[in-house]
Amino acid sequence: MDTTVDTTEPTVTFCPQSSTYTVSLDTPSREVTWIEPTATDNSGVAPMVIQSHRSGESFHIGATDVMYLFTDEAGNQASCSFVIMGNYHSMWMLRLMLLYQHE
């Protein structure tokens, strides 16, 4: 009978970098895609994954934390997180500033 206890967390094999996107004033959100993070486990069984957001979702202006949590069969966990940052296109910001100056 094997009584070995698995205390090794999954290994995150890929985690995307944080990224920034721009939108125009008439489109305050944008669909953002990324390559999904991956992880392996020493057991050979793929870890279960829970994610806060999915690639292809719409993101609004501002910073959004994206997190993936990988859990193996023994309950050991590893995570991957990155930030999706949405900004208005600089030309739109310039137009907005000029409009406010004339009011």
Protein backbone atom coordinates (compact mmCIF):
# COMPACT_ATOMS: atom_id res chain seq x y z
CA MET A 1 0.00 0.00 0.00
CA ASP A 2 1.44 3.36 -1.08
CA THR A 3 1.13 5.97 1.69
CA THR A 4 2.96 8.74 -0.15
CA VAL A 5 1.30 12.11 0.35
CA ASP A 6 1.41 14.53 -2.58
CA THR A 7 2.52 17.94 -1.28
CA THR A 8 3.80 19.26 -4.63
CA GLU A 9 1.73 22.03 -6.18
CA PRO A 10 0.97 21.98 -9.91
CA THR A 11 3.53 23.64 -12.16
CA VAL A 12 2.25 26.60 -14.19
CA THR A 13 3.85 26.02 -17.59
CA PHE A 14 2.56 29.20 -19.24
CA CYS A 15 1.13 32.45 -17.84
CA PRO A 16 0.36 35.42 -20.14
CA GLN A 17 1.89 38.85 -19.63
CA SER A 18 -0.31 41.77 -18.62
CA SER A 19 -1.61 43.65 -21.66
CA THR A 20 -3.13 46.98 -22.64
CA TYR A 21 -5.71 47.74 -25.31
CA THR A 22 -7.26 50.97 -26.58
CA VAL A 23 -10.82 51.83 -27.58
CA SER A 24 -12.58 54.86 -29.01
CA LEU A 25 -15.08 56.91 -27.03
CA ASP A 26 -18.03 55.38 -28.87
CA THR A 27 -16.88 51.85 -27.95
CA PRO A 28 -16.13 51.75 -24.19
CA SER A 29 -15.42 48.01 -24.15
CA ARG A 30 -13.54 45.53 -26.26
CA GLU A 31 -13.27 41.79 -26.66
CA VAL A 32 -9.80 40.72 -25.49
CA THR A 33 -8.17 37.37 -26.19
CA TRP A 34 -5.07 35.68 -24.83
CA ILE A 35 -3.44 32.27 -24.88
CA GLU A 36 -4.88 30.34 -21.94
CA PRO A 37 -2.50 29.58 -19.03
CA THR A 38 -1.60 25.93 -18.57
CA ALA A 39 -0.33 23.77 -15.73
CA THR A 40 0.87 20.22 -15.21
CA ASP A 41 1.00 18.04 -12.12
CA ASN A 42 3.48 15.43 -10.91
CA SER A 43 0.63 12.89 -10.74
CA GLY A 44 0.20 13.02 -14.51
CA VAL A 45 -3.45 14.06 -14.12
CA ALA A 46 -4.30 17.53 -15.43
CA PRO A 47 -5.11 19.95 -12.59
CA MET A 48 -8.61 21.39 -12.27
CA VAL A 49 -8.71 25.07 -13.25
CA ILE A 50 -10.92 27.90 -12.03
CA GLN A 51 -10.63 31.24 -13.80
CA SER A 52 -11.96 34.70 -13.07
CA HIS A 53 -12.36 35.63 -16.76
CA ARG A 54 -12.26 33.87 -20.11
CA SER A 55 -10.32 34.77 -23.22
CA GLY A 56 -12.70 36.50 -25.64
CA GLU A 57 -14.78 38.30 -23.00
CA SER A 58 -15.50 42.02 -23.28
CA PHE A 59 -13.48 44.26 -20.98
CA HIS A 60 -14.26 47.87 -20.09
CA ILE A 61 -11.92 50.81 -19.61
CA GLY A 62 -9.63 50.43 -16.60
CA ALA A 63 -7.65 47.62 -15.03
CA THR A 64 -9.07 44.12 -14.62
CA ASP A 65 -7.21 41.42 -12.70
CA VAL A 66 -7.42 38.03 -14.37
CA MET A 67 -6.63 34.98 -12.25
CA TYR A 68 -6.36 31.26 -12.90
CA LEU A 69 -6.20 28.81 -10.00
CA PHE A 70 -4.94 25.28 -10.66
CA THR A 71 -5.73 22.53 -8.12
CA ASP A 72 -4.44 18.96 -8.26
CA GLU A 73 -6.22 15.86 -6.92
CA ALA A 74 -4.42 16.21 -3.56
CA GLY A 75 -5.66 19.80 -3.12
CA ASN A 76 -2.31 21.48 -3.86
CA GLN A 77 -2.73 24.79 -5.68
CA ALA A 78 -0.80 27.08 -8.02
CA SER A 79 -1.98 30.30 -9.62
CA CYS A 80 -1.37 32.58 -12.56
CA SER A 81 -2.51 36.20 -12.66
CA PHE A 82 -2.17 39.12 -15.03
CA VAL A 83 -3.85 42.48 -15.69
CA ILE A 84 -5.90 43.56 -18.71
CA MET A 85 -5.80 47.36 -18.98
CA GLY A 86 -8.20 49.29 -21.21
CA ASN A 87 -7.50 52.89 -22.25
CA TYR A 88 -9.18 55.34 -24.56
CA HIS A 89 -7.30 56.02 -27.78
CA SER A 90 -5.11 59.12 -27.29
CA MET A 91 -6.77 60.96 -30.22
CA TRP A 92 -10.15 60.62 -28.48
CA MET A 93 -8.68 61.88 -25.22
CA LEU A 94 -7.25 64.92 -27.00
CA ARG A 95 -10.66 65.67 -28.54
CA LEU A 96 -12.32 65.34 -25.14
CA MET A 97 -9.84 67.77 -23.54
CA LEU A 98 -10.39 70.29 -26.35
CA LEU A 99 -14.17 70.04 -25.96
CA TYR A 100 -13.97 70.69 -22.22
CA GLN A 101 -11.67 73.67 -22.72
CA HIS A 102 -14.25 75.37 -24.95
CA GLU A 103 -17.13 75.01 -22.51
